[in-house]
């Protein structure tokens, strides 16, 4: 039995560059969507360490409802992508490879590391940039720590960007 690493799967890793780089206008759209998403996160108080603490102490169902609705939205979106055979902006077919569960040890270890990081920073890794945008400058340390924790990943990403530019 062989296990696939991320770069070996179709559609993942630096070994499968897009057919063409995204148009600069799309980058502006992505930036505006990111800003809008940050505003939604801020207004819904998902960024609040107090709300996260309430969730972990089982004092409020609010965050569980938000996470549950995100999971439902993602599941519906993936089902729709598969049903209509959607393509990326670059024109490539969107492929979502199956993930073998095995004994689940890697998922348990990854979830534990993710949870510890979440507990130590007081913030989910996703909205760190929104927190920085809201003036919580201490989150810059969390972002830099995350970048330093996996320099190989970022070096590969930068290498892929450099190769696609030339």
N, C-alpha and C. Protein backbone atom coordinates (compact mmCIF):
# COMPACT_ATOMS: atom_id res chain seq x y z
N UNK A 1 0.84 -1.18 0.00
CA UNK A 1 0.00 0.00 0.00
C UNK A 1 0.88 1.24 0.00
N UNK A 2 0.65 2.12 -0.93
CA UNK A 2 1.44 3.35 -0.99
C UNK A 2 0.59 4.51 -0.53
N UNK A 3 1.23 5.46 0.09
CA UNK A 3 0.49 6.64 0.52
C UNK A 3 0.88 7.79 -0.40
N UNK A 4 -0.10 8.57 -0.76
CA UNK A 4 0.14 9.72 -1.62
C UNK A 4 0.49 10.92 -0.76
N UNK A 5 1.53 11.62 -1.18
CA UNK A 5 1.81 12.89 -0.55
C UNK A 5 1.12 13.95 -1.38
N UNK A 6 0.95 15.13 -0.83
CA UNK A 6 0.19 16.16 -1.51
C UNK A 6 0.68 16.45 -2.93
N UNK A 7 1.99 16.63 -3.17
CA UNK A 7 2.40 16.93 -4.54
C UNK A 7 2.13 15.80 -5.52
N UNK A 8 1.93 14.55 -5.07
CA UNK A 8 1.68 13.44 -5.98
C UNK A 8 0.23 13.41 -6.46
N UNK A 9 -0.66 14.10 -5.79
CA UNK A 9 -2.07 14.07 -6.16
C UNK A 9 -2.34 15.07 -7.26
N UNK A 10 -3.21 14.75 -8.21
CA UNK A 10 -3.51 15.69 -9.28
C UNK A 10 -4.16 16.95 -8.74
N UNK A 11 -3.69 18.09 -9.24
CA UNK A 11 -4.27 19.36 -8.82
C UNK A 11 -3.67 19.96 -7.57
N UNK A 12 -2.70 19.30 -6.96
CA UNK A 12 -2.09 19.79 -5.73
C UNK A 12 -0.59 19.97 -5.94
N UNK A 13 0.00 20.84 -5.13
CA UNK A 13 1.45 20.98 -5.13
C UNK A 13 1.96 21.84 -6.28
N UNK A 14 3.28 22.00 -6.29
CA UNK A 14 3.90 22.87 -7.28
C UNK A 14 4.14 22.16 -8.60
N UNK A 15 3.90 20.86 -8.66
CA UNK A 15 4.17 20.12 -9.89
C UNK A 15 3.09 20.33 -10.94
N UNK A 16 1.96 20.95 -10.59
CA UNK A 16 0.89 21.16 -11.55
C UNK A 16 0.52 22.64 -11.61
N UNK A 17 1.32 23.44 -12.36
CA UNK A 17 1.01 24.87 -12.43
C UNK A 17 -0.27 25.10 -13.22
N UNK A 18 -0.96 26.21 -12.98
CA UNK A 18 -2.18 26.49 -13.74
C UNK A 18 -1.86 26.70 -15.21
N UNK A 19 -2.89 26.54 -16.04
CA UNK A 19 -2.70 26.69 -17.48
C UNK A 19 -2.24 28.11 -17.81
N UNK A 20 -2.77 29.09 -17.13
CA UNK A 20 -2.34 30.49 -17.32
C UNK A 20 -2.51 31.21 -15.99
N UNK A 21 -1.67 32.20 -15.72
CA UNK A 21 -1.81 32.92 -14.44
C UNK A 21 -3.09 33.73 -14.43
N UNK A 22 -3.67 33.97 -13.24
CA UNK A 22 -4.90 34.75 -13.17
C UNK A 22 -4.69 36.18 -13.64
N UNK A 23 -5.69 36.74 -14.25
CA UNK A 23 -5.66 38.12 -14.74
C UNK A 23 -5.57 39.05 -13.53
N UNK A 24 -4.80 40.15 -13.64
CA UNK A 24 -4.67 41.07 -12.50
C UNK A 24 -6.01 41.60 -11.97
N UNK A 25 -7.01 41.71 -12.84
CA UNK A 25 -8.32 42.19 -12.38
C UNK A 25 -8.92 41.22 -11.37
N UNK A 26 -8.67 39.91 -11.56
CA UNK A 26 -9.17 38.93 -10.61
C UNK A 26 -8.49 39.10 -9.25
N UNK A 27 -7.22 39.48 -9.25
CA UNK A 27 -6.52 39.69 -7.98
C UNK A 27 -7.18 40.82 -7.20
N UNK A 28 -7.59 41.87 -7.88
CA UNK A 28 -8.29 42.97 -7.21
C UNK A 28 -9.63 42.49 -6.64
N UNK A 29 -10.32 41.66 -7.40
CA UNK A 29 -11.60 41.10 -6.92
C UNK A 29 -11.35 40.25 -5.68
N UNK A 30 -10.30 39.43 -5.71
CA UNK A 30 -9.97 38.59 -4.56
C UNK A 30 -9.65 39.45 -3.34
N UNK A 31 -8.91 40.54 -3.54
CA UNK A 31 -8.59 41.43 -2.44
C UNK A 31 -9.86 42.04 -1.85
N UNK A 32 -10.76 42.50 -2.69
CA UNK A 32 -12.01 43.10 -2.21
C UNK A 32 -12.88 42.06 -1.49
N UNK A 33 -12.92 40.84 -2.02
CA UNK A 33 -13.68 39.78 -1.34
C UNK A 33 -13.05 39.47 0.02
N UNK A 34 -11.73 39.47 0.10
CA UNK A 34 -11.05 39.24 1.37
C UNK A 34 -11.36 40.32 2.39
N UNK A 35 -11.38 41.57 1.93
CA UNK A 35 -11.72 42.67 2.82
C UNK A 35 -13.16 42.53 3.31
N UNK A 36 -14.06 42.21 2.40
CA UNK A 36 -15.47 42.03 2.78
C UNK A 36 -15.61 40.88 3.78
N UNK A 37 -14.89 39.80 3.54
CA UNK A 37 -14.94 38.66 4.47
C UNK A 37 -14.40 39.06 5.84
N UNK A 38 -13.34 39.85 5.88
CA UNK A 38 -12.81 40.34 7.14
C UNK A 38 -13.81 41.19 7.90
N UNK A 39 -14.56 42.00 7.17
CA UNK A 39 -15.60 42.83 7.80
C UNK A 39 -16.69 41.94 8.38
N UNK A 40 -17.09 40.91 7.64
CA UNK A 40 -18.12 39.98 8.14
C UNK A 40 -17.62 39.28 9.40
N UNK A 41 -16.36 38.83 9.39
CA UNK A 41 -15.81 38.17 10.57
C UNK A 41 -15.80 39.11 11.78
N UNK A 42 -15.46 40.36 11.53
CA UNK A 42 -15.41 41.33 12.62
C UNK A 42 -16.80 41.62 13.17
N UNK A 43 -17.76 41.87 12.27
CA UNK A 43 -19.11 42.21 12.70
C UNK A 43 -19.81 41.05 13.41
N UNK A 44 -19.49 39.82 13.03
CA UNK A 44 -20.12 38.66 13.67
C UNK A 44 -19.41 38.25 14.96
N UNK A 45 -18.35 38.95 15.31
CA UNK A 45 -17.57 38.71 16.52
C UNK A 45 -16.88 37.35 16.54
N UNK A 46 -16.68 36.77 15.37
CA UNK A 46 -15.97 35.49 15.30
C UNK A 46 -14.52 35.67 15.71
N UNK A 47 -13.99 36.88 15.56
CA UNK A 47 -12.60 37.16 15.90
C UNK A 47 -12.37 37.34 17.40
N UNK A 48 -13.42 37.49 18.14
CA UNK A 48 -13.32 37.82 19.56
C UNK A 48 -12.81 36.62 20.37
N UNK A 49 -11.75 36.85 21.11
CA UNK A 49 -11.23 35.77 21.96
C UNK A 49 -12.27 35.39 23.00
N UNK A 50 -13.12 36.36 23.40
CA UNK A 50 -14.16 36.07 24.38
C UNK A 50 -15.15 35.07 23.82
N UNK A 51 -15.54 35.22 22.54
CA UNK A 51 -16.46 34.26 21.90
C UNK A 51 -15.81 32.89 21.78
N UNK A 52 -14.52 32.86 21.47
CA UNK A 52 -13.81 31.58 21.36
C UNK A 52 -13.74 30.92 22.73
N UNK A 53 -13.49 31.71 23.76
CA UNK A 53 -13.45 31.17 25.12
C UNK A 53 -14.82 30.63 25.52
N UNK A 54 -15.89 31.35 25.17
CA UNK A 54 -17.24 30.86 25.45
C UNK A 54 -17.47 29.50 24.79
N UNK A 55 -16.99 29.36 23.56
CA UNK A 55 -17.18 28.10 22.84
C UNK A 55 -16.47 26.96 23.57
N UNK A 56 -15.20 27.17 23.91
CA UNK A 56 -14.43 26.09 24.53
C UNK A 56 -14.93 25.77 25.94
N UNK A 57 -15.61 26.70 26.58
CA UNK A 57 -16.18 26.44 27.90
C UNK A 57 -17.63 25.97 27.82
N UNK A 58 -18.12 25.76 26.61
CA UNK A 58 -19.50 25.32 26.36
C UNK A 58 -20.52 26.25 27.02
N UNK A 59 -20.24 27.56 26.98
CA UNK A 59 -21.15 28.55 27.56
C UNK A 59 -22.08 29.16 26.51
N UNK A 60 -21.78 28.96 25.24
CA UNK A 60 -22.60 29.53 24.18
C UNK A 60 -22.54 28.63 22.95
N UNK A 61 -23.65 28.57 22.25
CA UNK A 61 -23.72 27.76 21.03
C UNK A 61 -23.37 28.59 19.79
N UNK A 62 -23.17 29.87 19.96
CA UNK A 62 -22.94 30.79 18.85
C UNK A 62 -21.84 30.34 17.89
N UNK A 63 -20.66 30.07 18.39
CA UNK A 63 -19.53 29.69 17.53
C UNK A 63 -19.77 28.32 16.90
N UNK A 64 -20.39 27.41 17.64
CA UNK A 64 -20.70 26.09 17.06
C UNK A 64 -21.68 26.23 15.90
N UNK A 65 -22.62 27.16 16.02
CA UNK A 65 -23.56 27.41 14.93
C UNK A 65 -22.86 27.98 13.71
N UNK A 66 -21.92 28.89 13.92
CA UNK A 66 -21.17 29.48 12.82
C UNK A 66 -20.30 28.42 12.14
N UNK A 67 -19.60 27.61 12.94
CA UNK A 67 -18.76 26.56 12.38
C UNK A 67 -19.62 25.52 11.66
N UNK A 68 -20.74 25.16 12.25
CA UNK A 68 -21.64 24.19 11.61
C UNK A 68 -22.18 24.71 10.29
N UNK A 69 -22.54 25.99 10.24
CA UNK A 69 -23.04 26.54 8.97
C UNK A 69 -21.92 26.62 7.93
N UNK A 70 -20.68 26.84 8.37
CA UNK A 70 -19.55 26.84 7.44
C UNK A 70 -19.32 25.44 6.86
N UNK A 71 -19.45 24.42 7.69
CA UNK A 71 -19.29 23.04 7.22
C UNK A 71 -20.40 22.69 6.23
N UNK A 72 -21.63 23.08 6.55
CA UNK A 72 -22.75 22.80 5.65
C UNK A 72 -22.58 23.53 4.31
N UNK A 73 -22.12 24.78 4.37
CA UNK A 73 -21.89 25.55 3.14
C UNK A 73 -20.79 24.91 2.31
N UNK A 74 -19.71 24.48 2.96
CA UNK A 74 -18.60 23.84 2.23
C UNK A 74 -19.05 22.53 1.60
N UNK A 75 -19.82 21.73 2.33
CA UNK A 75 -20.30 20.45 1.79
C UNK A 75 -21.20 20.68 0.57
N UNK A 76 -22.10 21.66 0.69
CA UNK A 76 -22.99 21.97 -0.44
C UNK A 76 -22.20 22.51 -1.63
N UNK A 77 -21.20 23.33 -1.36
CA UNK A 77 -20.38 23.89 -2.44
C UNK A 77 -19.59 22.80 -3.16
N UNK A 78 -19.00 21.87 -2.41
CA UNK A 78 -18.24 20.77 -3.03
C UNK A 78 -19.17 19.89 -3.85
N UNK A 79 -20.36 19.61 -3.33
CA UNK A 79 -21.32 18.80 -4.08
C UNK A 79 -21.71 19.51 -5.38
N UNK A 80 -21.90 20.82 -5.32
CA UNK A 80 -22.25 21.59 -6.52
C UNK A 80 -21.09 21.60 -7.53
N UNK A 81 -19.86 21.79 -7.03
CA UNK A 81 -18.69 21.78 -7.91
C UNK A 81 -18.58 20.45 -8.65
N UNK A 82 -18.80 19.35 -7.93
CA UNK A 82 -18.73 18.03 -8.55
C UNK A 82 -19.89 17.81 -9.51
N UNK A 83 -21.08 18.29 -9.15
CA UNK A 83 -22.26 18.04 -9.98
C UNK A 83 -22.20 18.77 -11.32
N UNK A 84 -21.71 20.01 -11.31
CA UNK A 84 -21.70 20.79 -12.55
C UNK A 84 -20.37 20.71 -13.30
N UNK A 85 -19.37 20.04 -12.70
CA UNK A 85 -18.06 19.95 -13.35
C UNK A 85 -17.41 21.31 -13.50
N UNK A 86 -17.40 22.10 -12.44
CA UNK A 86 -16.89 23.47 -12.47
C UNK A 86 -15.41 23.51 -12.84
N UNK A 87 -15.01 24.64 -13.40
CA UNK A 87 -13.61 24.86 -13.77
C UNK A 87 -13.08 26.06 -13.01
N UNK A 88 -11.76 26.09 -12.83
CA UNK A 88 -11.12 27.20 -12.14
C UNK A 88 -11.08 28.42 -13.06
N UNK A 89 -10.65 29.55 -12.51
CA UNK A 89 -10.54 30.76 -13.29
C UNK A 89 -9.57 30.56 -14.46
N UNK A 90 -8.55 29.73 -14.23
CA UNK A 90 -7.55 29.46 -15.27
C UNK A 90 -8.06 28.47 -16.31
N UNK A 91 -9.26 27.92 -16.12
CA UNK A 91 -9.83 27.00 -17.09
C UNK A 91 -9.56 25.54 -16.81
N UNK A 92 -8.89 25.24 -15.72
CA UNK A 92 -8.61 23.85 -15.35
C UNK A 92 -9.82 23.24 -14.65
N UNK A 93 -10.04 21.95 -14.87
CA UNK A 93 -11.10 21.26 -14.15
C UNK A 93 -10.74 21.20 -12.66
N UNK A 94 -11.70 21.48 -11.81
CA UNK A 94 -11.46 21.43 -10.37
C UNK A 94 -11.54 19.97 -9.94
N UNK A 95 -10.44 19.48 -9.40
CA UNK A 95 -10.38 18.08 -8.96
C UNK A 95 -10.19 18.05 -7.45
N UNK A 96 -11.02 17.30 -6.78
CA UNK A 96 -10.91 17.14 -5.33
C UNK A 96 -10.58 15.67 -5.09
N UNK A 97 -9.29 15.37 -4.83
CA UNK A 97 -8.89 13.98 -4.68
C UNK A 97 -9.42 13.39 -3.38
N UNK A 98 -9.69 12.08 -3.36
CA UNK A 98 -10.14 11.44 -2.12
C UNK A 98 -9.03 11.45 -1.08
N UNK A 99 -9.43 11.53 0.15
CA UNK A 99 -8.46 11.54 1.25
C UNK A 99 -8.59 10.23 2.02
N UNK A 100 -7.57 9.38 1.95
CA UNK A 100 -7.65 8.11 2.69
C UNK A 100 -7.56 8.35 4.19
N UNK A 101 -8.47 7.77 4.93
CA UNK A 101 -8.50 7.97 6.38
C UNK A 101 -7.45 7.13 7.08
N UNK A 102 -7.28 5.87 6.65
CA UNK A 102 -6.36 5.00 7.37
C UNK A 102 -6.81 4.84 8.81
N UNK A 103 -5.87 4.93 9.72
CA UNK A 103 -6.23 4.84 11.14
C UNK A 103 -6.54 6.22 11.72
N UNK A 104 -6.33 7.26 10.94
CA UNK A 104 -6.67 8.60 11.39
C UNK A 104 -5.66 9.25 12.31
N UNK A 105 -4.50 8.65 12.46
CA UNK A 105 -3.49 9.18 13.39
C UNK A 105 -3.00 10.55 12.92
N UNK A 106 -2.75 10.69 11.61
CA UNK A 106 -2.26 11.98 11.12
C UNK A 106 -3.31 13.08 11.30
N UNK A 107 -4.59 12.72 11.14
CA UNK A 107 -5.65 13.70 11.34
C UNK A 107 -5.76 14.09 12.82
N UNK A 108 -5.62 13.13 13.70
CA UNK A 108 -5.67 13.42 15.14
C UNK A 108 -4.49 14.29 15.54
N UNK A 109 -3.30 13.98 15.02
CA UNK A 109 -2.11 14.78 15.35
C UNK A 109 -2.26 16.20 14.79
N UNK A 110 -2.70 16.31 13.54
CA UNK A 110 -2.88 17.63 12.94
C UNK A 110 -3.94 18.45 13.66
N UNK A 111 -5.04 17.81 14.03
CA UNK A 111 -6.09 18.50 14.76
C UNK A 111 -5.62 18.97 16.13
N UNK A 112 -4.79 18.15 16.77
CA UNK A 112 -4.25 18.54 18.07
C UNK A 112 -3.33 19.75 17.94
N UNK A 113 -2.45 19.73 16.95
CA UNK A 113 -1.55 20.86 16.72
C UNK A 113 -2.35 22.12 16.38
N UNK A 114 -3.36 21.96 15.52
CA UNK A 114 -4.21 23.09 15.15
C UNK A 114 -4.90 23.65 16.40
N UNK A 115 -5.47 22.78 17.22
CA UNK A 115 -6.16 23.21 18.42
C UNK A 115 -5.25 23.89 19.42
N UNK A 116 -4.03 23.37 19.57
CA UNK A 116 -3.07 24.01 20.47
C UNK A 116 -2.70 25.41 19.98
N UNK A 117 -2.49 25.53 18.68
CA UNK A 117 -2.18 26.85 18.12
C UNK A 117 -3.33 27.82 18.32
N UNK A 118 -4.55 27.32 18.13
CA UNK A 118 -5.73 28.14 18.32
C UNK A 118 -5.83 28.60 19.78
N UNK A 119 -5.58 27.66 20.70
CA UNK A 119 -5.67 28.00 22.12
C UNK A 119 -4.57 28.97 22.54
N UNK A 120 -3.37 28.78 22.03
CA UNK A 120 -2.25 29.63 22.44
C UNK A 120 -2.37 31.05 21.89
N UNK A 121 -2.86 31.19 20.66
CA UNK A 121 -2.99 32.54 20.09
C UNK A 121 -4.30 33.20 20.46
N UNK A 122 -5.29 32.40 20.84
CA UNK A 122 -6.61 32.95 21.14
C UNK A 122 -7.37 33.31 19.89
N UNK A 123 -6.93 32.77 18.76
CA UNK A 123 -7.60 33.08 17.49
C UNK A 123 -7.45 31.91 16.54
N UNK A 124 -8.47 31.68 15.76
CA UNK A 124 -8.40 30.70 14.69
C UNK A 124 -7.40 31.22 13.66
N UNK A 125 -6.59 30.35 13.07
CA UNK A 125 -5.59 30.82 12.11
C UNK A 125 -6.18 31.55 10.91
N UNK A 126 -7.39 31.21 10.51
CA UNK A 126 -7.99 31.83 9.33
C UNK A 126 -8.10 33.34 9.40
N UNK A 127 -8.65 33.90 10.47
CA UNK A 127 -8.86 35.35 10.50
C UNK A 127 -7.70 36.15 11.11
N UNK A 128 -6.49 35.59 11.14
CA UNK A 128 -5.38 36.33 11.72
C UNK A 128 -5.16 37.67 11.02
N UNK A 129 -5.27 37.67 9.69
CA UNK A 129 -5.06 38.93 8.97
C UNK A 129 -6.17 39.92 9.26
N UNK A 130 -7.39 39.44 9.46
CA UNK A 130 -8.48 40.33 9.84
C UNK A 130 -8.23 40.93 11.22
N UNK A 131 -7.67 40.15 12.12
CA UNK A 131 -7.33 40.68 13.44
C UNK A 131 -6.26 41.75 13.33
N UNK A 132 -5.25 41.51 12.49
CA UNK A 132 -4.21 42.51 12.29
C UNK A 132 -4.83 43.78 11.71
N UNK A 133 -5.75 43.60 10.75
CA UNK A 133 -6.45 44.75 10.17
C UNK A 133 -7.30 45.50 11.16
N UNK A 134 -7.74 44.83 12.22
CA UNK A 134 -8.54 45.46 13.27
C UNK A 134 -7.67 46.10 14.35
N UNK A 135 -6.36 46.06 14.16
CA UNK A 135 -5.46 46.72 15.10
C UNK A 135 -4.90 45.83 16.19
N UNK A 136 -5.15 44.52 16.12
CA UNK A 136 -4.59 43.59 17.10
C UNK A 136 -3.20 43.20 16.60
N UNK A 137 -2.26 44.11 16.79
CA UNK A 137 -0.94 43.95 16.17
C UNK A 137 -0.14 42.77 16.73
N UNK A 138 -0.50 42.26 17.90
CA UNK A 138 0.22 41.13 18.46
C UNK A 138 0.05 39.89 17.58
N UNK A 139 -0.98 39.86 16.74
CA UNK A 139 -1.21 38.72 15.86
C UNK A 139 -0.15 38.63 14.76
N UNK A 140 0.61 39.70 14.55
CA UNK A 140 1.72 39.64 13.60
C UNK A 140 2.70 38.56 14.05
N UNK A 141 2.88 38.41 15.35
CA UNK A 141 3.77 37.37 15.89
C UNK A 141 3.26 35.99 15.50
N UNK A 142 1.95 35.79 15.59
CA UNK A 142 1.37 34.49 15.23
C UNK A 142 1.57 34.21 13.74
N UNK A 143 1.40 35.21 12.89
CA UNK A 143 1.59 35.02 11.45
C UNK A 143 3.05 34.69 11.16
N UNK A 144 3.97 35.43 11.76
CA UNK A 144 5.39 35.18 11.53
C UNK A 144 5.80 33.81 12.06
N UNK A 145 5.22 33.41 13.18
CA UNK A 145 5.51 32.09 13.73
C UNK A 145 5.03 31.00 12.78
N UNK A 146 3.84 31.19 12.24
CA UNK A 146 3.31 30.21 11.29
C UNK A 146 4.20 30.13 10.05
N UNK A 147 4.68 31.26 9.58
CA UNK A 147 5.57 31.27 8.41
C UNK A 147 6.89 30.58 8.74
N UNK A 148 7.40 30.79 9.93
CA UNK A 148 8.66 30.17 10.33
C UNK A 148 8.52 28.69 10.63
N UNK A 149 7.29 28.27 10.97
CA UNK A 149 7.08 26.86 11.32
C UNK A 149 7.17 25.96 10.10
N UNK A 150 6.92 26.50 8.93
CA UNK A 150 6.97 25.66 7.74
C UNK A 150 7.68 26.39 6.59
N UNK A 151 8.97 26.70 6.77
CA UNK A 151 9.68 27.45 5.73
C UNK A 151 9.76 26.70 4.41
N UNK A 152 9.79 25.37 4.45
CA UNK A 152 9.89 24.60 3.23
C UNK A 152 8.65 24.80 2.36
N UNK A 153 7.49 24.83 3.00
CA UNK A 153 6.24 25.05 2.27
C UNK A 153 6.25 26.40 1.57
N UNK A 154 6.67 27.45 2.29
CA UNK A 154 6.68 28.77 1.70
C UNK A 154 7.75 28.88 0.63
N UNK A 155 8.88 28.21 0.81
CA UNK A 155 9.92 28.23 -0.21
C UNK A 155 9.42 27.57 -1.49
N UNK A 156 8.68 26.46 -1.37
CA UNK A 156 8.13 25.80 -2.55
C UNK A 156 7.12 26.70 -3.23
N UNK A 157 6.26 27.36 -2.46
CA UNK A 157 5.26 28.26 -3.04
C UNK A 157 5.94 29.41 -3.78
N UNK A 158 6.96 30.00 -3.17
CA UNK A 158 7.67 31.09 -3.82
C UNK A 158 8.37 30.61 -5.09
N UNK A 159 8.91 29.39 -5.04
CA UNK A 159 9.55 28.82 -6.22
C UNK A 159 8.56 28.63 -7.35
N UNK A 160 7.34 28.20 -7.02
CA UNK A 160 6.31 28.00 -8.04
C UNK A 160 5.89 29.33 -8.64
N UNK A 161 5.79 30.36 -7.81
CA UNK A 161 5.43 31.69 -8.31
C UNK A 161 6.51 32.19 -9.24
N UNK A 162 7.78 32.03 -8.82
CA UNK A 162 8.91 32.49 -9.63
C UNK A 162 8.95 31.77 -10.96
N UNK A 163 8.72 30.45 -10.95
CA UNK A 163 8.76 29.67 -12.19
C UNK A 163 7.62 30.06 -13.12
N UNK A 164 6.46 30.40 -12.58
CA UNK A 164 5.32 30.74 -13.45
C UNK A 164 5.49 32.14 -14.06
N UNK A 165 6.30 33.00 -13.43
CA UNK A 165 6.53 34.34 -13.96
C UNK A 165 7.49 34.33 -15.13
N UNK A 166 8.38 33.37 -15.16
CA UNK A 166 9.40 33.38 -16.21
C UNK A 166 8.95 32.68 -17.46
